Amino acid sequence: MINFLSKAGATGVAICPDGSSSCAGGYDFSSYVQAIYKFSIELGGSLTVLMLVYAGYIYLTSQGDTSKINSAKEILTGTLLGFVLLMSAGLILRFIGLPTS
């Protein structure tokens, strides 16, 4: 497995503004990936809830119109599939050795 875990004083891959391999603030590759992952989970969770409510609204107001019912089903399926893919990103990050929390 690839190990990108590095904090101040540890070995790993660091990304610093000046191009050096050690940063005074202790920021490294894993910190950036962890921040992006947390932001994506928060945004994805919020969008999932919003889209579930929207799909439910379309379904409830369809009044038997099969095109609206199918549209609601497609939105629901796409939303749940997207959320599962977003959650699986955490497994991939753990597999390559990056922290997710």
C-alpha atoms as a PDB file:
ATOM      1  CA  MET A   1       0.000   0.000   0.000  1.00  0.00           C
ATOM      2  CA  ILE A   2       1.032   3.563  -0.617  1.00  0.00           C
ATOM      3  CA  ASN A   3       1.599   5.527   2.560  1.00  0.00           C
ATOM      4  CA  PHE A   4       1.085   9.276   2.274  1.00  0.00           C
ATOM      5  CA  LEU A   5       0.596   9.787   5.994  1.00  0.00           C
ATOM      6  CA  SER A   6       2.924  12.463   7.172  1.00  0.00           C
ATOM      7  CA  LYS A   7       2.748  15.020   9.898  1.00  0.00           C
ATOM      8  CA  ALA A   8       5.474  17.297  11.136  1.00  0.00           C
ATOM      9  CA  GLY A   9       8.564  15.160  11.653  1.00  0.00           C
ATOM     10  CA  ALA A  10       7.214  12.030   9.878  1.00  0.00           C
ATOM     11  CA  THR A  11       8.088  10.755   6.439  1.00  0.00           C
ATOM     12  CA  GLY A  12       5.720  11.102   3.515  1.00  0.00           C
ATOM     13  CA  VAL A  13       4.764  13.317   0.631  1.00  0.00           C
ATOM     14  CA  ALA A  14       4.397  16.955   1.608  1.00  0.00           C
ATOM     15  CA  ILE A  15       3.073  19.806  -0.488  1.00  0.00           C
ATOM     16  CA  CYS A  16       4.414  23.204   0.521  1.00  0.00           C
ATOM     17  CA  PRO A  17       4.046  26.626  -1.113  1.00  0.00           C
ATOM     18  CA  ASP A  18       7.803  26.997  -1.625  1.00  0.00           C
ATOM     19  CA  GLY A  19       8.196  23.547  -3.219  1.00  0.00           C
ATOM     20  CA  SER A  20      10.166  22.060  -0.336  1.00  0.00           C
ATOM     21  CA  SER A  21       9.281  18.744   1.278  1.00  0.00           C
ATOM     22  CA  SER A  22       8.682  20.083   4.794  1.00  0.00           C
ATOM     23  CA  CYS A  23       6.260  22.807   5.778  1.00  0.00           C
ATOM     24  CA  ALA A  24       6.409  24.968   8.863  1.00  0.00           C
ATOM     25  CA  GLY A  25       2.649  24.593   9.403  1.00  0.00           C
ATOM     26  CA  GLY A  26       2.710  20.816   9.065  1.00  0.00           C
ATOM     27  CA  TYR A  27       0.418  20.711   6.033  1.00  0.00           C
ATOM     28  CA  ASP A  28       0.921  17.734   3.791  1.00  0.00           C
ATOM     29  CA  PHE A  29      -0.780  15.798   1.023  1.00  0.00           C
ATOM     30  CA  SER A  30      -2.946  13.762   3.398  1.00  0.00           C
ATOM     31  CA  SER A  31      -4.222  16.947   5.069  1.00  0.00           C
ATOM     32  CA  TYR A  32      -5.356  18.351   1.732  1.00  0.00           C
ATOM     33  CA  VAL A  33      -7.028  15.093   0.690  1.00  0.00           C
ATOM     34  CA  GLN A  34      -8.730  14.811   4.076  1.00  0.00           C
ATOM     35  CA  ALA A  35     -10.074  18.379   3.814  1.00  0.00           C
ATOM     36  CA  ILE A  36     -11.390  17.771   0.290  1.00  0.00           C
ATOM     37  CA  TYR A  37     -12.977  14.483   1.392  1.00  0.00           C
ATOM     38  CA  LYS A  38     -14.722  16.098   4.377  1.00  0.00           C
ATOM     39  CA  PHE A  39     -16.042  18.939   2.217  1.00  0.00           C
ATOM     40  CA  SER A  40     -17.272  16.467  -0.419  1.00  0.00           C
ATOM     41  CA  ILE A  41     -19.068  14.344   2.175  1.00  0.00           C
ATOM     42  CA  GLU A  42     -20.775  17.373   3.704  1.00  0.00           C
ATOM     43  CA  LEU A  43     -21.795  18.790   0.331  1.00  0.00           C
ATOM     44  CA  GLY A  44     -22.814  15.388  -1.030  1.00  0.00           C
ATOM     45  CA  GLY A  45     -24.904  14.607   2.043  1.00  0.00           C
ATOM     46  CA  SER A  46     -26.710  17.921   1.801  1.00  0.00           C
ATOM     47  CA  LEU A  47     -27.360  17.496  -1.912  1.00  0.00           C
ATOM     48  CA  THR A  48     -28.579  13.940  -1.328  1.00  0.00           C
ATOM     49  CA  VAL A  49     -31.181  15.101   1.177  1.00  0.00           C
ATOM     50  CA  LEU A  50     -32.247  17.929  -1.129  1.00  0.00           C
ATOM     51  CA  MET A  51     -32.611  15.636  -4.138  1.00  0.00           C
ATOM     52  CA  LEU A  52     -34.522  13.018  -2.122  1.00  0.00           C
ATOM     53  CA  VAL A  53     -37.009  15.676  -1.068  1.00  0.00           C
ATOM     54  CA  TYR A  54     -37.260  16.919  -4.667  1.00  0.00           C
ATOM     55  CA  ALA A  55     -37.833  13.387  -6.026  1.00  0.00           C
ATOM     56  CA  GLY A  56     -40.503  12.818  -3.370  1.00  0.00           C
ATOM     57  CA  TYR A  57     -42.204  16.072  -4.290  1.00  0.00           C
ATOM     58  CA  ILE A  58     -42.259  15.161  -7.979  1.00  0.00           C
ATOM     59  CA  TYR A  59     -43.620  11.710  -7.167  1.00  0.00           C
ATOM     60  CA  LEU A  60     -46.337  13.010  -4.838  1.00  0.00           C
ATOM     61  CA  THR A  61     -47.475  15.697  -7.269  1.00  0.00           C
ATOM     62  CA  SER A  62     -47.389  13.468 -10.361  1.00  0.00           C
ATOM     63  CA  GLN A  63     -51.136  12.735 -10.184  1.00  0.00           C
ATOM     64  CA  GLY A  64     -50.656   9.452 -12.028  1.00  0.00           C
ATOM     65  CA  ASP A  65     -48.596  10.936 -14.883  1.00  0.00           C
ATOM     66  CA  THR A  66     -46.200   8.117 -15.792  1.00  0.00           C
ATOM     67  CA  SER A  67     -43.552  10.480 -17.191  1.00  0.00           C
ATOM     68  CA  LYS A  68     -43.373  12.368 -13.884  1.00  0.00           C
ATOM     69  CA  ILE A  69     -43.298   9.112 -11.907  1.00  0.00           C
ATOM     70  CA  ASN A  70     -40.460   7.815 -14.080  1.00  0.00           C
ATOM     71  CA  SER A  71     -38.630  11.115 -13.689  1.00  0.00           C
ATOM     72  CA  ALA A  72     -38.919  10.873  -9.896  1.00  0.00           C
ATOM     73  CA  LYS A  73     -37.638   7.284  -9.984  1.00  0.00           C
ATOM     74  CA  GLU A  74     -34.657   8.306 -12.121  1.00  0.00           C
ATOM     75  CA  ILE A  75     -33.803  11.171  -9.774  1.00  0.00           C
ATOM     76  CA  LEU A  76     -34.097   8.879  -6.762  1.00  0.00           C
ATOM     77  CA  THR A  77     -31.946   6.166  -8.343  1.00  0.00           C
ATOM     78  CA  GLY A  78     -29.282   8.620  -9.488  1.00  0.00           C
ATOM     79  CA  THR A  79     -29.187  10.329  -6.104  1.00  0.00           C
ATOM     80  CA  LEU A  80     -28.750   7.106  -4.171  1.00  0.00           C
ATOM     81  CA  LEU A  81     -26.154   5.778  -6.615  1.00  0.00           C
ATOM     82  CA  GLY A  82     -24.170   9.015  -6.399  1.00  0.00           C
ATOM     83  CA  PHE A  83     -24.230   8.932  -2.611  1.00  0.00           C
ATOM     84  CA  VAL A  84     -23.037   5.313  -2.544  1.00  0.00           C
ATOM     85  CA  LEU A  85     -20.163   6.225  -4.880  1.00  0.00           C
ATOM     86  CA  LEU A  86     -19.231   9.159  -2.669  1.00  0.00           C
ATOM     87  CA  MET A  87     -19.210   6.927   0.394  1.00  0.00           C
ATOM     88  CA  SER A  88     -17.045   4.355  -1.407  1.00  0.00           C
ATOM     89  CA  ALA A  89     -14.404   7.060  -1.886  1.00  0.00           C
ATOM     90  CA  GLY A  90     -13.697   6.717   1.843  1.00  0.00           C
ATOM     91  CA  LEU A  91     -12.905   3.030   1.363  1.00  0.00           C
ATOM     92  CA  ILE A  92     -10.500   3.861  -1.444  1.00  0.00           C
ATOM     93  CA  LEU A  93      -8.745   6.486   0.672  1.00  0.00           C
ATOM     94  CA  ARG A  94      -8.377   4.032   3.570  1.00  0.00           C
ATOM     95  CA  PHE A  95      -7.046   1.374   1.193  1.00  0.00           C
ATOM     96  CA  ILE A  96      -4.225   3.623  -0.035  1.00  0.00           C
ATOM     97  CA  GLY A  97      -3.428   4.681   3.520  1.00  0.00           C
ATOM     98  CA  LEU A  98      -4.972   8.146   3.807  1.00  0.00           C
ATOM     99  CA  PRO A  99      -7.056   9.119   6.826  1.00  0.00           C
ATOM    100  CA  THR A 100     -10.707  10.051   6.249  1.00  0.00           C
ATOM    101  CA  SER A 101     -11.448  11.627   9.609  1.00  0.00           C
END
